[in-house]
């Protein structure tokens, strides 16, 4: 009787398992990177939408009922950044400026998702004026524009707020109201 050998050798099985694990590792890493990139793009788009809403509301002079008649000065977008990447740490809001004061009743608050933060790490208010259509920044900026960066990543050190070069979107707002995403 002759016995016919069929099947795979142990070396062949080890080769297949090695190739499959290598391909899986590369695929999972690519998928995670894709997810982070999409999160950064979505959060930046949402932030820009709120900035554009403030600009459009100021231009059309939409006045909330909480504003006294004739007291609408503009719409402000306030950014409250943090060095932390935790939930609720990096916030921004849109609110009308009525009689020189932010109307906190009509204010709407938003937060960046976890693992995203604003850079630089200092509070910033962008005010779209109703009459002139101009934009002012607080703190004041002499450049004629301000850059707001949305950064993706993990904190390596709370004392090093330097953003990485990858995983970064820059929203540039000019004093004439133009908005660019870089």
C-alpha atoms as a PDB file:
ATOM      1  CA  UNK A   1       0.000   0.000   0.000  1.00  0.00           C
ATOM      2  CA  UNK A   2       1.300   3.403  -0.844  1.00  0.00           C
ATOM      3  CA  UNK A   3       0.402   6.349   1.319  1.00  0.00           C
ATOM      4  CA  UNK A   4      -0.130   9.616  -0.494  1.00  0.00           C
ATOM      5  CA  UNK A   5       0.909  12.711   1.440  1.00  0.00           C
ATOM      6  CA  UNK A   6      -1.414  15.672   1.111  1.00  0.00           C
ATOM      7  CA  UNK A   7      -1.640  18.972   2.953  1.00  0.00           C
ATOM      8  CA  UNK A   8       0.824  21.670   3.927  1.00  0.00           C
ATOM      9  CA  UNK A   9       4.119  21.500   5.680  1.00  0.00           C
ATOM     10  CA  UNK A  10       4.703  23.327   8.941  1.00  0.00           C
ATOM     11  CA  UNK A  11       7.053  25.777   7.198  1.00  0.00           C
ATOM     12  CA  UNK A  12       4.349  26.667   4.643  1.00  0.00           C
ATOM     13  CA  UNK A  13       1.808  27.298   7.409  1.00  0.00           C
ATOM     14  CA  UNK A  14       4.256  29.524   9.324  1.00  0.00           C
ATOM     15  CA  UNK A  15       4.962  31.499   6.136  1.00  0.00           C
ATOM     16  CA  UNK A  16       1.244  32.079   5.506  1.00  0.00           C
ATOM     17  CA  UNK A  17       0.615  33.142   9.114  1.00  0.00           C
ATOM     18  CA  UNK A  18       3.586  35.547   8.988  1.00  0.00           C
ATOM     19  CA  UNK A  19       2.376  37.155   5.758  1.00  0.00           C
ATOM     20  CA  UNK A  20      -1.205  37.435   7.053  1.00  0.00           C
ATOM     21  CA  UNK A  21      -0.120  39.052  10.335  1.00  0.00           C
ATOM     22  CA  UNK A  22       2.108  41.555   8.501  1.00  0.00           C
ATOM     23  CA  UNK A  23      -0.700  42.537   6.133  1.00  0.00           C
ATOM     24  CA  UNK A  24      -3.162  42.830   9.043  1.00  0.00           C
ATOM     25  CA  UNK A  25      -0.821  45.101  10.999  1.00  0.00           C
ATOM     26  CA  UNK A  26      -0.327  47.426   8.018  1.00  0.00           C
ATOM     27  CA  UNK A  27      -4.071  47.461   7.299  1.00  0.00           C
ATOM     28  CA  UNK A  28      -5.060  48.259  10.879  1.00  0.00           C
ATOM     29  CA  UNK A  29      -2.481  51.062  11.118  1.00  0.00           C
ATOM     30  CA  UNK A  30      -3.760  52.581   7.873  1.00  0.00           C
ATOM     31  CA  UNK A  31      -7.361  52.355   9.067  1.00  0.00           C
ATOM     32  CA  UNK A  32      -6.538  54.083  12.383  1.00  0.00           C
ATOM     33  CA  UNK A  33      -4.656  56.854  10.545  1.00  0.00           C
ATOM     34  CA  UNK A  34      -7.600  57.298   8.164  1.00  0.00           C
ATOM     35  CA  UNK A  35      -9.983  57.607  11.124  1.00  0.00           C
ATOM     36  CA  UNK A  36      -7.813  60.275  12.774  1.00  0.00           C
ATOM     37  CA  UNK A  37      -7.542  62.233   9.530  1.00  0.00           C
ATOM     38  CA  UNK A  38     -11.323  62.141   9.039  1.00  0.00           C
ATOM     39  CA  UNK A  39     -11.902  63.263  12.623  1.00  0.00           C
ATOM     40  CA  UNK A  40      -9.533  66.212  12.099  1.00  0.00           C
ATOM     41  CA  UNK A  41     -11.186  67.168   8.795  1.00  0.00           C
ATOM     42  CA  UNK A  42     -14.711  66.930  10.264  1.00  0.00           C
ATOM     43  CA  UNK A  43     -13.869  68.944  13.379  1.00  0.00           C
ATOM     44  CA  UNK A  44     -12.157  71.632  11.296  1.00  0.00           C
ATOM     45  CA  UNK A  45     -15.135  71.795   8.916  1.00  0.00           C
ATOM     46  CA  UNK A  46     -17.534  72.127  11.879  1.00  0.00           C
ATOM     47  CA  UNK A  47     -15.435  74.923  13.374  1.00  0.00           C
ATOM     48  CA  UNK A  48     -15.290  76.773  10.037  1.00  0.00           C
ATOM     49  CA  UNK A  49     -19.071  76.389   9.694  1.00  0.00           C
ATOM     50  CA  UNK A  50     -19.560  78.151  13.047  1.00  0.00           C
ATOM     51  CA  UNK A  51     -17.154  80.937  12.009  1.00  0.00           C
ATOM     52  CA  UNK A  52     -19.057  81.344   8.733  1.00  0.00           C
ATOM     53  CA  UNK A  53     -22.354  81.385  10.659  1.00  0.00           C
ATOM     54  CA  UNK A  54     -21.041  84.226  12.818  1.00  0.00           C
ATOM     55  CA  UNK A  55     -19.975  86.122   9.698  1.00  0.00           C
ATOM     56  CA  UNK A  56     -23.319  85.542   7.945  1.00  0.00           C
ATOM     57  CA  UNK A  57     -25.327  86.488  11.059  1.00  0.00           C
ATOM     58  CA  UNK A  58     -23.360  89.729  11.435  1.00  0.00           C
ATOM     59  CA  UNK A  59     -23.724  90.560   7.739  1.00  0.00           C
ATOM     60  CA  UNK A  60     -27.471  89.945   7.749  1.00  0.00           C
ATOM     61  CA  UNK A  61     -27.788  91.641  11.166  1.00  0.00           C
ATOM     62  CA  UNK A  62     -29.788  88.786  12.650  1.00  0.00           C
ATOM     63  CA  UNK A  63     -30.605  89.990  16.143  1.00  0.00           C
ATOM     64  CA  UNK A  64     -31.705  87.553  18.845  1.00  0.00           C
ATOM     65  CA  UNK A  65     -34.685  88.480  20.969  1.00  0.00           C
ATOM     66  CA  UNK A  66     -32.394  88.804  24.008  1.00  0.00           C
ATOM     67  CA  UNK A  67     -30.657  91.828  22.425  1.00  0.00           C
ATOM     68  CA  UNK A  68     -32.090  95.257  23.161  1.00  0.00           C
ATOM     69  CA  UNK A  69     -33.376  97.090  20.063  1.00  0.00           C
ATOM     70  CA  UNK A  70     -30.537  98.733  18.157  1.00  0.00           C
ATOM     71  CA  UNK A  71     -27.800  97.234  20.323  1.00  0.00           C
ATOM     72  CA  UNK A  72     -26.400  94.470  18.090  1.00  0.00           C
ATOM     73  CA  UNK A  73     -22.662  95.117  17.613  1.00  0.00           C
ATOM     74  CA  UNK A  74     -21.733  91.836  15.925  1.00  0.00           C
ATOM     75  CA  UNK A  75     -21.176  88.145  16.448  1.00  0.00           C
ATOM     76  CA  UNK A  76     -18.248  86.687  18.353  1.00  0.00           C
ATOM     77  CA  UNK A  77     -16.594  83.309  18.095  1.00  0.00           C
ATOM     78  CA  UNK A  78     -14.612  82.601  21.251  1.00  0.00           C
ATOM     79  CA  UNK A  79     -12.039  79.827  21.394  1.00  0.00           C
ATOM     80  CA  UNK A  80     -11.084  78.398  24.783  1.00  0.00           C
ATOM     81  CA  UNK A  81      -8.190  76.005  24.108  1.00  0.00           C
ATOM     82  CA  UNK A  82      -6.421  73.581  26.408  1.00  0.00           C
ATOM     83  CA  UNK A  83      -3.198  71.605  26.249  1.00  0.00           C
ATOM     84  CA  UNK A  84      -5.294  68.557  27.098  1.00  0.00           C
ATOM     85  CA  UNK A  85      -6.846  66.190  24.545  1.00  0.00           C
ATOM     86  CA  UNK A  86      -9.685  65.188  26.864  1.00  0.00           C
ATOM     87  CA  UNK A  87     -13.416  65.429  26.255  1.00  0.00           C
ATOM     88  CA  UNK A  88     -14.695  68.979  26.666  1.00  0.00           C
ATOM     89  CA  UNK A  89     -11.231  70.458  27.123  1.00  0.00           C
ATOM     90  CA  UNK A  90     -11.109  72.430  23.851  1.00  0.00           C
ATOM     91  CA  UNK A  91     -14.220  74.553  23.485  1.00  0.00           C
ATOM     92  CA  UNK A  92     -15.520  77.258  21.198  1.00  0.00           C
ATOM     93  CA  UNK A  93     -18.733  79.246  21.113  1.00  0.00           C
ATOM     94  CA  UNK A  94     -20.736  81.651  19.000  1.00  0.00           C
ATOM     95  CA  UNK A  95     -22.683  84.493  20.575  1.00  0.00           C
ATOM     96  CA  UNK A  96     -24.086  87.883  19.634  1.00  0.00           C
ATOM     97  CA  UNK A  97     -22.404  90.986  21.029  1.00  0.00           C
ATOM     98  CA  UNK A  98     -25.182  93.249  22.286  1.00  0.00           C
ATOM     99  CA  UNK A  99     -24.297  96.688  23.619  1.00  0.00           C
ATOM    100  CA  UNK A 100     -20.649  95.708  23.994  1.00  0.00           C
ATOM    101  CA  UNK A 101     -21.405  92.561  26.030  1.00  0.00           C
ATOM    102  CA  UNK A 102     -21.471  88.925  24.977  1.00  0.00           C
ATOM    103  CA  UNK A 103     -25.071  87.676  25.173  1.00  0.00           C
ATOM    104  CA  UNK A 104     -24.576  84.471  27.165  1.00  0.00           C
ATOM    105  CA  UNK A 105     -28.288  83.598  26.913  1.00  0.00           C
ATOM    106  CA  UNK A 106     -28.072  83.284  23.109  1.00  0.00           C
ATOM    107  CA  UNK A 107     -24.573  81.739  23.212  1.00  0.00           C
ATOM    108  CA  UNK A 108     -24.105  78.283  21.700  1.00  0.00           C
ATOM    109  CA  UNK A 109     -21.175  76.156  22.893  1.00  0.00           C
ATOM    110  CA  UNK A 110     -19.258  73.464  21.021  1.00  0.00           C
ATOM    111  CA  UNK A 111     -16.303  71.196  21.819  1.00  0.00           C
ATOM    112  CA  UNK A 112     -13.653  69.492  19.754  1.00  0.00           C
ATOM    113  CA  UNK A 113     -13.677  65.696  19.849  1.00  0.00           C
ATOM    114  CA  UNK A 114     -11.269  63.813  22.093  1.00  0.00           C
ATOM    115  CA  UNK A 115      -7.717  63.685  20.661  1.00  0.00           C
ATOM    116  CA  UNK A 116      -8.092  67.094  18.986  1.00  0.00           C
ATOM    117  CA  UNK A 117      -7.110  70.477  20.361  1.00  0.00           C
ATOM    118  CA  UNK A 118      -6.691  74.106  19.364  1.00  0.00           C
ATOM    119  CA  UNK A 119      -3.236  75.600  19.016  1.00  0.00           C
ATOM    120  CA  UNK A 120      -1.877  78.046  20.119  1.00  0.00           C
ATOM    121  CA  UNK A 121      -3.007  77.496  23.660  1.00  0.00           C
ATOM    122  CA  UNK A 122      -4.463  80.913  24.476  1.00  0.00           C
ATOM    123  CA  UNK A 123      -8.021  82.217  24.480  1.00  0.00           C
ATOM    124  CA  UNK A 124      -9.062  84.090  21.340  1.00  0.00           C
ATOM    125  CA  UNK A 125     -12.196  86.022  20.383  1.00  0.00           C
ATOM    126  CA  UNK A 126     -13.039  86.762  16.764  1.00  0.00           C
ATOM    127  CA  UNK A 127     -15.657  89.509  16.347  1.00  0.00           C
ATOM    128  CA  UNK A 128     -17.568  90.025  13.106  1.00  0.00           C
ATOM    129  CA  UNK A 129     -18.976  93.590  13.129  1.00  0.00           C
ATOM    130  CA  UNK A 130     -22.478  94.286  11.760  1.00  0.00           C
ATOM    131  CA  UNK A 131     -21.993  97.704  10.165  1.00  0.00           C
ATOM    132  CA  UNK A 132     -18.514  97.547   8.651  1.00  0.00           C
ATOM    133  CA  UNK A 133     -18.286  93.792   8.055  1.00  0.00           C
ATOM    134  CA  UNK A 134     -14.770  93.956   9.474  1.00  0.00           C
ATOM    135  CA  UNK A 135     -13.279  91.413  11.826  1.00  0.00           C
ATOM    136  CA  UNK A 136     -11.365  92.214  14.981  1.00  0.00           C
ATOM    137  CA  UNK A 137      -9.394  89.858  17.162  1.00  0.00           C
ATOM    138  CA  UNK A 138      -8.931  89.832  20.902  1.00  0.00           C
ATOM    139  CA  UNK A 139      -6.133  89.819  21.832  1.00  0.00           C
ATOM    140  CA  UNK A 140      -5.398  92.382  19.111  1.00  0.00           C
ATOM    141  CA  UNK A 141      -3.455  91.274  16.066  1.00  0.00           C
ATOM    142  CA  UNK A 142      -1.541  93.626  13.747  1.00  0.00           C
ATOM    143  CA  UNK A 143      -1.048  91.066  10.952  1.00  0.00           C
ATOM    144  CA  UNK A 144      -4.468  91.567   9.384  1.00  0.00           C
ATOM    145  CA  UNK A 145      -5.293  87.909  10.011  1.00  0.00           C
ATOM    146  CA  UNK A 146      -5.178  85.257  12.687  1.00  0.00           C
ATOM    147  CA  UNK A 147      -4.395  81.561  12.419  1.00  0.00           C
ATOM    148  CA  UNK A 148      -6.303  78.990  14.427  1.00  0.00           C
ATOM    149  CA  UNK A 149      -4.830  75.515  14.277  1.00  0.00           C
ATOM    150  CA  UNK A 150      -6.715  72.323  14.981  1.00  0.00           C
ATOM    151  CA  UNK A 151      -4.216  69.660  16.002  1.00  0.00           C
ATOM    152  CA  UNK A 152      -4.611  65.901  15.999  1.00  0.00           C
ATOM    153  CA  UNK A 153      -2.563  63.656  18.254  1.00  0.00           C
ATOM    154  CA  UNK A 154      -1.692  62.718  21.755  1.00  0.00           C
ATOM    155  CA  UNK A 155      -0.037  64.883  24.378  1.00  0.00           C
ATOM    156  CA  UNK A 156       3.569  63.867  24.876  1.00  0.00           C
ATOM    157  CA  UNK A 157       4.091  66.529  27.520  1.00  0.00           C
ATOM    158  CA  UNK A 158       1.691  69.114  28.945  1.00  0.00           C
ATOM    159  CA  UNK A 159       4.568  71.588  29.076  1.00  0.00           C
ATOM    160  CA  UNK A 160       5.336  71.307  25.328  1.00  0.00           C
ATOM    161  CA  UNK A 161       2.436  72.839  23.364  1.00  0.00           C
ATOM    162  CA  UNK A 162       4.301  72.650  20.020  1.00  0.00           C
ATOM    163  CA  UNK A 163       2.034  71.102  17.383  1.00  0.00           C
ATOM    164  CA  UNK A 164       3.278  68.273  15.191  1.00  0.00           C
ATOM    165  CA  UNK A 165       3.596  69.013  11.475  1.00  0.00           C
ATOM    166  CA  UNK A 166       1.300  66.164  10.482  1.00  0.00           C
ATOM    167  CA  UNK A 167      -2.242  66.068  11.786  1.00  0.00           C
ATOM    168  CA  UNK A 168      -2.677  69.829  11.659  1.00  0.00           C
ATOM    169  CA  UNK A 169      -5.266  72.032   9.919  1.00  0.00           C
ATOM    170  CA  UNK A 170      -4.879  75.810   9.842  1.00  0.00           C
ATOM    171  CA  UNK A 171      -7.901  78.102   9.639  1.00  0.00           C
ATOM    172  CA  UNK A 172      -6.846  81.618   8.682  1.00  0.00           C
ATOM    173  CA  UNK A 173      -9.347  84.426   9.306  1.00  0.00           C
ATOM    174  CA  UNK A 174      -8.573  87.814   7.771  1.00  0.00           C
ATOM    175  CA  UNK A 175      -9.659  91.183   9.141  1.00  0.00           C
ATOM    176  CA  UNK A 176     -11.766  91.734   5.979  1.00  0.00           C
ATOM    177  CA  UNK A 177     -13.786  88.570   6.754  1.00  0.00           C
ATOM    178  CA  UNK A 178     -12.161  86.055   4.401  1.00  0.00           C
ATOM    179  CA  UNK A 179     -11.726  82.541   5.771  1.00  0.00           C
ATOM    180  CA  UNK A 180      -9.167  80.048   4.407  1.00  0.00           C
ATOM    181  CA  UNK A 181      -8.410  76.469   5.390  1.00  0.00           C
ATOM    182  CA  UNK A 182      -4.839  75.309   4.848  1.00  0.00           C
END
